[in-house]
Amino acid sequence: MKYKIGIASSDGKVINLHFGRADVFYIVEADSEDMTFRYGESRQTIPVCQGQEHDNDKLLALADILKDCDYVLVSKIGEGARAALAGNSTLAFELPGFIEDSVKRLLSYVEVEKLLNDR
C-alpha cells in the first residue's frame, strides 16, 4: 500500500526534531509492498512549542497542515499533539534516526499490523 508520511527533520536526512519544535516537515510517499519511498515536498511550519507552553489553536493548525499524511515520524511528541493528529486520522511515531531506516521500520510495522488484522 502507498502512504504519505510527514517527517520532522532539521536536515532531510535524520529524524531529529520534536513535533512541536519542528519548523519544517519533509513529506515522503512510501510503498509498503516494495519498501521504497521518495521525497515529495517540504512544508514550512511555525513551531508551536515555546518552552513547555503550547497554544492549542496553533497545535491544531499544525496538525491540519499534515492532515493528508497517514503517519508522522518525529523524535518526540506529546499526548496533546498526538491527539490533534489522530483527530485527522494521522498516526504519530517516535522513530528518531536516519529517515531511510525509520521509514522502513514503519513500513514493516504497517505490513505486520495489516497481516494480524486480516486474520
Protein backbone atom coordinates (compact mmCIF):
# COMPACT_ATOMS: atom_id res chain seq x y z
CA MET A 1 0.00 0.00 0.00
CA LYS A 2 1.02 3.58 -0.52
CA TYR A 3 1.29 6.06 2.33
CA LYS A 4 2.16 9.70 2.82
CA ILE A 5 4.49 10.36 5.75
CA GLY A 6 5.44 13.68 7.38
CA ILE A 7 8.94 13.73 8.86
CA ALA A 8 10.30 16.19 11.43
CA SER A 9 13.92 16.74 10.39
CA SER A 10 16.36 19.62 10.54
CA ASP A 11 18.33 18.39 7.52
CA GLY A 12 16.19 15.97 5.48
CA LYS A 13 18.45 13.08 6.47
CA VAL A 14 17.73 12.36 10.13
CA ILE A 15 14.53 12.38 12.19
CA ASN A 16 15.72 14.62 15.00
CA LEU A 17 13.00 17.14 15.87
CA HIS A 18 10.26 17.23 18.48
CA PHE A 19 6.86 17.61 16.81
CA GLY A 20 6.12 20.97 18.40
CA ARG A 21 9.57 22.40 17.70
CA ALA A 22 9.80 21.46 14.03
CA ASP A 23 9.92 24.33 11.57
CA VAL A 24 9.80 22.03 8.55
CA PHE A 25 8.28 18.66 7.76
CA TYR A 26 9.58 16.63 4.85
CA ILE A 27 6.80 14.76 3.11
CA VAL A 28 7.60 11.37 1.60
CA GLU A 29 5.46 8.98 -0.38
CA ALA A 30 6.12 5.39 0.66
CA ASP A 31 5.07 1.97 -0.62
CA SER A 32 4.93 -0.87 1.91
CA GLU A 33 4.82 -3.55 -0.77
CA ASP A 34 8.28 -2.85 -2.17
CA MET A 35 9.58 -0.94 0.91
CA THR A 36 10.51 2.17 -1.05
CA PHE A 37 9.90 5.87 -0.59
CA ARG A 38 10.55 9.11 -2.39
CA TYR A 39 10.61 12.71 -1.26
CA GLY A 40 7.61 14.71 -2.36
CA GLU A 41 7.92 18.13 -0.78
CA SER A 42 8.79 20.05 2.36
CA ARG A 43 6.32 22.12 4.35
CA GLN A 44 7.47 25.09 6.39
CA THR A 45 5.74 25.43 9.74
CA ILE A 46 5.84 27.70 12.75
CA PRO A 47 6.96 25.78 15.87
CA VAL A 48 4.11 25.58 18.38
CA CYS A 49 6.26 24.79 21.45
CA GLN A 50 7.54 27.77 23.36
CA GLY A 51 9.37 26.20 26.28
CA GLN A 52 6.83 24.00 28.00
CA GLU A 53 3.86 26.08 26.82
CA HIS A 54 1.58 25.11 23.94
CA ASP A 55 -1.07 27.12 22.14
CA ASN A 56 -3.87 24.65 21.43
CA ASP A 57 -5.11 26.55 18.36
CA LYS A 58 -1.60 26.54 16.87
CA LEU A 59 -1.25 22.85 17.65
CA LEU A 60 -4.49 22.10 15.81
CA ALA A 61 -3.37 24.30 12.89
CA LEU A 62 -0.10 22.36 12.64
CA ALA A 63 -1.98 19.06 12.70
CA ASP A 64 -4.17 20.45 9.93
CA ILE A 65 -1.09 21.19 7.77
CA LEU A 66 -0.28 17.48 7.96
CA LYS A 67 -3.85 16.16 7.64
CA ASP A 68 -3.16 14.47 4.30
CA CYS A 69 -0.39 12.38 5.89
CA ASP A 70 -1.12 8.86 7.08
CA TYR A 71 1.81 8.96 9.51
CA VAL A 72 4.15 11.48 11.12
CA LEU A 73 7.64 10.49 12.28
CA VAL A 74 9.31 12.58 14.99
CA SER A 75 11.97 12.30 17.68
CA LYS A 76 9.43 13.18 20.41
CA ILE A 77 5.74 14.06 20.63
CA GLY A 78 3.39 14.88 23.50
CA GLU A 79 -0.04 13.40 24.03
CA GLY A 80 -1.85 16.61 23.05
CA ALA A 81 -0.09 16.75 19.71
CA ARG A 82 -0.63 13.03 19.17
CA ALA A 83 -4.36 13.52 19.83
CA ALA A 84 -4.54 16.53 17.47
CA LEU A 85 -3.01 14.43 14.68
CA ALA A 86 -5.26 11.46 15.47
CA GLY A 87 -8.26 13.77 15.04
CA ASN A 88 -7.23 13.91 11.37
CA SER A 89 -6.58 10.13 11.25
CA THR A 90 -2.81 10.73 11.24
CA LEU A 91 -0.78 8.43 13.49
CA ALA A 92 2.45 9.65 15.08
CA PHE A 93 5.51 7.55 15.87
CA GLU A 94 8.69 8.43 17.74
CA LEU A 95 11.33 6.93 15.45
CA PRO A 96 14.48 9.06 15.67
CA GLY A 97 17.35 8.10 13.39
CA PHE A 98 18.14 8.10 9.70
CA ILE A 99 15.00 8.74 7.66
CA GLU A 100 15.55 5.72 5.41
CA ASP A 101 15.87 3.34 8.37
CA SER A 102 12.91 4.80 10.25
CA VAL A 103 10.61 4.76 7.21
CA LYS A 104 11.48 1.09 6.57
CA ARG A 105 10.80 0.28 10.23
CA LEU A 106 7.41 1.99 9.97
CA LEU A 107 6.52 0.20 6.73
CA SER A 108 7.49 -3.17 8.24
CA TYR A 109 5.29 -2.43 11.24
CA VAL A 110 2.38 -1.43 8.98
CA GLU A 111 2.66 -4.66 6.97
CA VAL A 112 2.78 -6.84 10.11
CA GLU A 113 -0.17 -4.97 11.61
CA LYS A 114 -2.10 -5.46 8.37
CA LEU A 115 -1.40 -9.21 8.43
CA LEU A 116 -2.53 -9.50 12.05
CA ASN A 117 -5.71 -7.51 11.46
CA ASP A 118 -6.64 -9.52 8.36
CA ARG A 119 -6.87 -12.74 10.36
